[in-house]
Amino acid sequence: MTALHRPPEEPRTKGGFWQAFIGVVDRPTVAMRYAAAHTRSWWIPALLILVSLVVLTVISAPLTVQMTVERMQDQLSRLNLPEAQTQEMSGFMQEPDQTRIVLTGVGGGLVALGLGWVVWATILHFSALALGGESSFSSMFSVVVWSGLPSFLRNLMQAVYIGSTGQAIVNPGLSGLVATGDLLMDSTNVLWVLLSSLDLCLLWHLLLVVVGFGIVSGFGRFKSAWTVMIWWVVGRGLGVVPVLLGRGLMTRFMGR
């Protein structure tokens, strides 16, 4: 008797979009299964993240202008120039336009988000195939975008804090543990930069990536976790290269 072979089952995706959206908080497997199966659903979380970025950028724009002016003045004071030349350069400094700050922040954020999602999904897609797993780029891209939803919550929380207190978030994440109070120097401190991105939303994001990667690739939790974490560490390492270059330039020109 010839055995009958069942076709592969589709991923179980109980409920609709909103159940998956809520599941990002308490049922990540349900959320990531939905994202992997509904490959065209990525635009909704992408839109939510972009809207939250716009809200945060608009609310923080006045403080960003103030901090930019203060930073420029601080940099100028550290160049050890003659007083006459310092005053002349101060005259050329203009207060940044708030509209330009918003457009630059939103435009730059949009490019960074889109490029980051494509690069992240591409790396994970080919990693799954290279390690003997299965992968569909559309499914991998969808789970990567969905895994960014914690940043939607982070942006809204920061916007509420800035709008209600009128204070900028100078030391995000855990960077306050190594902050010196000198923002110019802190921004060239590799440890400060690394800790600035460490918070609960990042851990939440990485958890979602691990779960989604495992669903798409068919890997177990351990293999999914170490694959994702290795690439995340590599990415963070490459991300501090500009910081090291900036610190080198500061040391050269300011003697710090």
Protein backbone atom coordinates (compact mmCIF):
# COMPACT_ATOMS: atom_id res chain seq x y z
CA MET A 1 0.00 0.00 0.00
CA THR A 2 1.34 3.39 -0.93
CA ALA A 3 1.65 5.78 2.01
CA LEU A 4 -0.09 9.10 1.66
CA HIS A 5 2.03 12.16 2.34
CA ARG A 6 0.40 15.19 3.89
CA PRO A 7 1.34 18.57 2.54
CA PRO A 8 3.25 20.78 4.99
CA GLU A 9 0.97 22.58 7.39
CA GLU A 10 0.69 26.31 7.30
CA PRO A 11 1.78 28.13 10.47
CA ARG A 12 -1.04 28.41 12.94
CA THR A 13 -2.21 31.99 13.20
CA LYS A 14 -5.20 32.10 15.47
CA GLY A 15 -6.97 35.40 15.50
CA GLY A 16 -6.27 38.44 13.41
CA PHE A 17 -3.96 41.38 13.38
CA TRP A 18 -4.99 42.87 16.72
CA GLN A 19 -4.55 39.59 18.55
CA ALA A 20 -1.07 39.35 17.06
CA PHE A 21 -0.40 42.99 17.93
CA ILE A 22 -1.36 42.42 21.56
CA GLY A 23 0.52 39.14 21.47
CA VAL A 24 3.76 41.06 20.97
CA VAL A 25 3.46 41.84 24.68
CA ASP A 26 2.38 38.55 26.22
CA ARG A 27 2.35 35.92 23.43
CA PRO A 28 5.38 36.56 21.20
CA THR A 29 5.08 33.18 19.48
CA VAL A 30 1.54 33.95 18.32
CA ALA A 31 2.62 37.38 17.11
CA MET A 32 5.65 36.11 15.21
CA ARG A 33 3.70 33.24 13.64
CA TYR A 34 1.22 35.78 12.34
CA ALA A 35 4.04 38.00 11.02
CA ALA A 36 5.74 35.07 9.29
CA ALA A 37 2.51 33.85 7.68
CA HIS A 38 1.14 37.28 6.70
CA THR A 39 4.14 38.66 4.88
CA ARG A 40 2.31 41.79 3.73
CA SER A 41 1.30 42.81 7.24
CA TRP A 42 4.69 44.43 7.94
CA TRP A 43 3.57 47.85 6.70
CA ILE A 44 1.22 48.33 9.66
CA PRO A 45 3.85 48.02 12.43
CA ALA A 46 6.25 49.96 10.17
CA LEU A 47 3.72 52.80 9.94
CA LEU A 48 3.14 52.77 13.70
CA ILE A 49 6.86 52.96 14.38
CA LEU A 50 7.27 55.81 11.90
CA VAL A 51 4.36 57.76 13.41
CA SER A 52 5.83 57.38 16.89
CA LEU A 53 9.18 58.61 15.55
CA VAL A 54 7.51 61.70 14.06
CA VAL A 55 5.72 62.43 17.35
CA LEU A 56 8.93 62.08 19.37
CA THR A 57 10.92 64.22 16.93
CA VAL A 58 8.35 67.02 16.88
CA ILE A 59 7.98 67.14 20.67
CA SER A 60 11.72 67.04 21.31
CA ALA A 61 12.64 69.53 18.55
CA PRO A 62 12.83 72.66 20.77
CA LEU A 63 15.11 70.89 23.24
CA THR A 64 17.17 69.48 20.38
CA VAL A 65 17.76 73.01 19.08
CA GLN A 66 18.81 74.18 22.54
CA MET A 67 21.18 71.25 23.05
CA THR A 68 22.67 71.72 19.58
CA VAL A 69 23.50 75.37 20.29
CA GLU A 70 25.00 74.49 23.65
CA ARG A 71 27.11 71.73 22.10
CA MET A 72 28.43 74.03 19.36
CA GLN A 73 29.37 76.65 21.94
CA ASP A 74 31.03 74.00 24.08
CA GLN A 75 33.04 72.68 21.14
CA LEU A 76 34.13 76.20 20.22
CA SER A 77 35.27 76.95 23.77
CA ARG A 78 37.49 73.86 23.78
CA LEU A 79 39.43 74.77 20.65
CA ASN A 80 41.62 77.15 22.67
CA LEU A 81 41.40 79.84 20.01
CA PRO A 82 42.22 83.52 20.57
CA GLU A 83 39.30 85.46 22.03
CA ALA A 84 38.87 87.59 18.92
CA GLN A 85 38.68 84.54 16.67
CA THR A 86 36.29 82.84 19.07
CA GLN A 87 33.92 85.81 18.99
CA GLU A 88 34.14 85.95 15.20
CA MET A 89 33.23 82.27 14.86
CA SER A 90 30.40 82.69 17.37
CA GLY A 91 28.94 85.36 15.11
CA PHE A 92 28.71 82.87 12.25
CA MET A 93 26.89 80.34 14.38
CA GLN A 94 23.17 80.46 13.79
CA GLU A 95 20.49 78.77 15.83
CA PRO A 96 19.36 75.65 13.95
CA ASP A 97 15.97 75.90 12.30
CA GLN A 98 13.41 73.82 14.20
CA THR A 99 11.63 72.73 11.02
CA ARG A 100 14.91 71.55 9.56
CA ILE A 101 15.63 69.63 12.76
CA VAL A 102 12.28 67.82 12.45
CA LEU A 103 12.68 67.04 8.75
CA THR A 104 16.24 65.84 9.25
CA GLY A 105 15.27 63.71 12.24
CA VAL A 106 12.29 62.11 10.53
CA GLY A 107 14.07 61.65 7.18
CA GLY A 108 17.20 60.25 8.75
CA GLY A 109 15.16 58.01 11.03
CA LEU A 110 13.12 56.69 8.11
CA VAL A 111 16.26 55.83 6.12
CA ALA A 112 17.91 54.23 9.15
CA LEU A 113 14.82 52.16 9.92
CA GLY A 114 14.30 50.95 6.37
CA LEU A 115 17.96 50.16 5.78
CA GLY A 116 18.24 48.48 9.17
CA TRP A 117 15.24 46.24 8.52
CA VAL A 118 16.51 45.18 5.09
CA VAL A 119 20.05 44.47 6.34
CA TRP A 120 18.82 42.61 9.45
CA ALA A 121 16.39 40.49 7.43
CA THR A 122 19.00 39.74 4.76
CA ILE A 123 21.58 38.60 7.31
CA LEU A 124 19.12 36.38 9.14
CA HIS A 125 17.70 34.98 5.90
CA PHE A 126 21.05 33.83 4.57
CA SER A 127 22.19 32.69 8.02
CA ALA A 128 19.18 30.38 8.22
CA LEU A 129 19.96 28.91 4.81
CA ALA A 130 23.69 28.58 5.54
CA LEU A 131 23.00 26.74 8.79
CA GLY A 132 20.73 24.21 7.13
CA GLY A 133 17.39 25.75 7.94
CA GLU A 134 14.53 27.08 5.86
CA SER A 135 13.80 30.68 5.07
CA SER A 136 11.67 32.96 2.98
CA PHE A 137 12.96 36.52 2.74
CA SER A 138 9.44 37.95 2.80
CA SER A 139 8.64 36.09 6.02
CA MET A 140 11.98 37.03 7.59
CA PHE A 141 11.52 40.68 6.66
CA SER A 142 8.02 40.67 8.13
CA VAL A 143 9.12 39.26 11.50
CA VAL A 144 12.05 41.70 11.62
CA VAL A 145 9.72 44.68 11.16
CA TRP A 146 7.22 43.30 13.66
CA SER A 147 10.03 42.79 16.17
CA GLY A 148 10.63 46.54 16.05
CA LEU A 149 7.31 47.30 17.75
CA PRO A 150 8.97 47.77 21.18
CA SER A 151 10.56 50.93 19.73
CA PHE A 152 7.02 52.18 19.02
CA LEU A 153 6.30 52.00 22.75
CA ARG A 154 9.70 53.49 23.65
CA ASN A 155 9.18 56.47 21.35
CA LEU A 156 5.74 57.19 22.78
CA MET A 157 6.96 56.89 26.38
CA GLN A 158 9.86 59.25 25.68
CA ALA A 159 7.54 61.70 23.93
CA VAL A 160 5.19 61.72 26.93
CA TYR A 161 8.12 62.23 29.34
CA ILE A 162 9.64 65.08 27.33
CA GLY A 163 6.29 66.75 26.70
CA SER A 164 5.22 66.57 30.36
CA THR A 165 8.54 67.52 31.99
CA GLY A 166 10.11 69.77 29.38
CA GLN A 167 13.40 67.96 29.91
CA ALA A 168 15.48 66.12 27.34
CA ILE A 169 16.60 62.54 27.89
CA VAL A 170 20.34 63.14 28.08
CA ASN A 171 21.42 59.68 29.21
CA PRO A 172 19.15 57.05 27.61
CA GLY A 173 19.19 53.39 28.56
CA LEU A 174 21.85 52.49 31.10
CA SER A 175 24.30 55.17 29.97
CA GLY A 176 23.67 57.09 33.18
CA LEU A 177 25.83 54.51 34.96
CA VAL A 178 28.96 55.85 33.26
CA ALA A 179 27.87 59.41 32.42
CA THR A 180 30.21 62.22 33.51
CA GLY A 181 27.81 65.08 32.90
CA ASP A 182 29.93 66.22 29.97
CA LEU A 183 27.72 65.27 27.02
CA LEU A 184 30.40 66.03 24.44
CA MET A 185 32.88 63.67 26.07
CA ASP A 186 30.24 61.06 26.91
CA SER A 187 29.16 60.86 23.27
CA THR A 188 32.68 59.73 22.35
CA ASN A 189 32.83 57.17 25.16
CA VAL A 190 32.33 53.68 23.68
CA LEU A 191 30.88 52.29 26.92
CA TRP A 192 28.42 55.18 27.21
CA VAL A 193 27.27 54.64 23.60
CA LEU A 194 26.83 50.90 24.12
CA LEU A 195 24.91 51.32 27.37
CA SER A 196 22.69 54.05 25.89
CA SER A 197 20.86 51.47 23.79
CA LEU A 198 20.41 48.92 26.57
CA ASP A 199 16.91 48.96 28.03
CA LEU A 200 13.90 46.69 28.40
CA CYS A 201 12.66 47.56 24.91
CA LEU A 202 15.91 46.29 23.40
CA LEU A 203 15.67 43.01 25.31
CA TRP A 204 12.05 42.73 24.23
CA HIS A 205 13.06 43.37 20.61
CA LEU A 206 15.79 40.72 20.70
CA LEU A 207 13.37 38.20 22.21
CA LEU A 208 10.94 38.81 19.35
CA VAL A 209 13.72 38.46 16.78
CA VAL A 210 14.84 35.15 18.30
CA VAL A 211 11.28 33.80 18.32
CA GLY A 212 10.56 35.00 14.78
CA PHE A 213 13.86 33.70 13.44
CA GLY A 214 13.17 30.30 14.96
CA ILE A 215 9.69 30.15 13.42
CA VAL A 216 10.88 31.05 9.93
CA SER A 217 14.05 28.94 9.96
CA GLY A 218 12.68 25.95 11.87
CA PHE A 219 15.55 26.12 14.38
CA GLY A 220 15.18 25.46 18.09
CA ARG A 221 15.39 28.20 20.70
CA PHE A 222 19.06 27.72 21.52
CA LYS A 223 20.28 27.76 17.93
CA SER A 224 18.04 30.71 17.11
CA ALA A 225 19.24 32.63 20.16
CA TRP A 226 22.95 32.26 19.57
CA THR A 227 22.63 33.01 15.85
CA VAL A 228 20.73 36.24 16.52
CA MET A 229 22.99 37.30 19.38
CA ILE A 230 26.21 36.73 17.41
CA TRP A 231 25.02 38.97 14.61
CA TRP A 232 23.70 41.56 17.08
CA VAL A 233 27.10 41.73 18.81
CA VAL A 234 28.82 42.10 15.42
CA GLY A 235 26.46 44.92 14.53
CA ARG A 236 27.06 46.73 17.81
CA GLY A 237 30.79 46.34 17.32
CA LEU A 238 30.61 47.95 13.88
CA GLY A 239 28.38 50.67 15.32
CA VAL A 240 31.06 51.93 17.70
CA VAL A 241 33.64 52.43 14.93
CA PRO A 242 32.41 56.02 14.22
CA VAL A 243 32.59 56.70 17.97
CA LEU A 244 36.23 55.64 18.06
CA LEU A 245 36.98 57.82 15.04
CA GLY A 246 35.23 60.76 16.64
CA ARG A 247 37.16 60.34 19.85
CA GLY A 248 40.41 60.21 17.88
CA LEU A 249 39.59 63.47 16.14
CA MET A 250 38.63 65.11 19.42
CA THR A 251 41.88 64.02 21.01
CA ARG A 252 43.81 65.41 18.07
CA PHE A 253 42.16 68.80 17.82
CA MET A 254 41.17 69.45 21.44
CA GLY A 255 43.89 67.65 23.29
CA ARG A 256 41.43 65.39 25.13
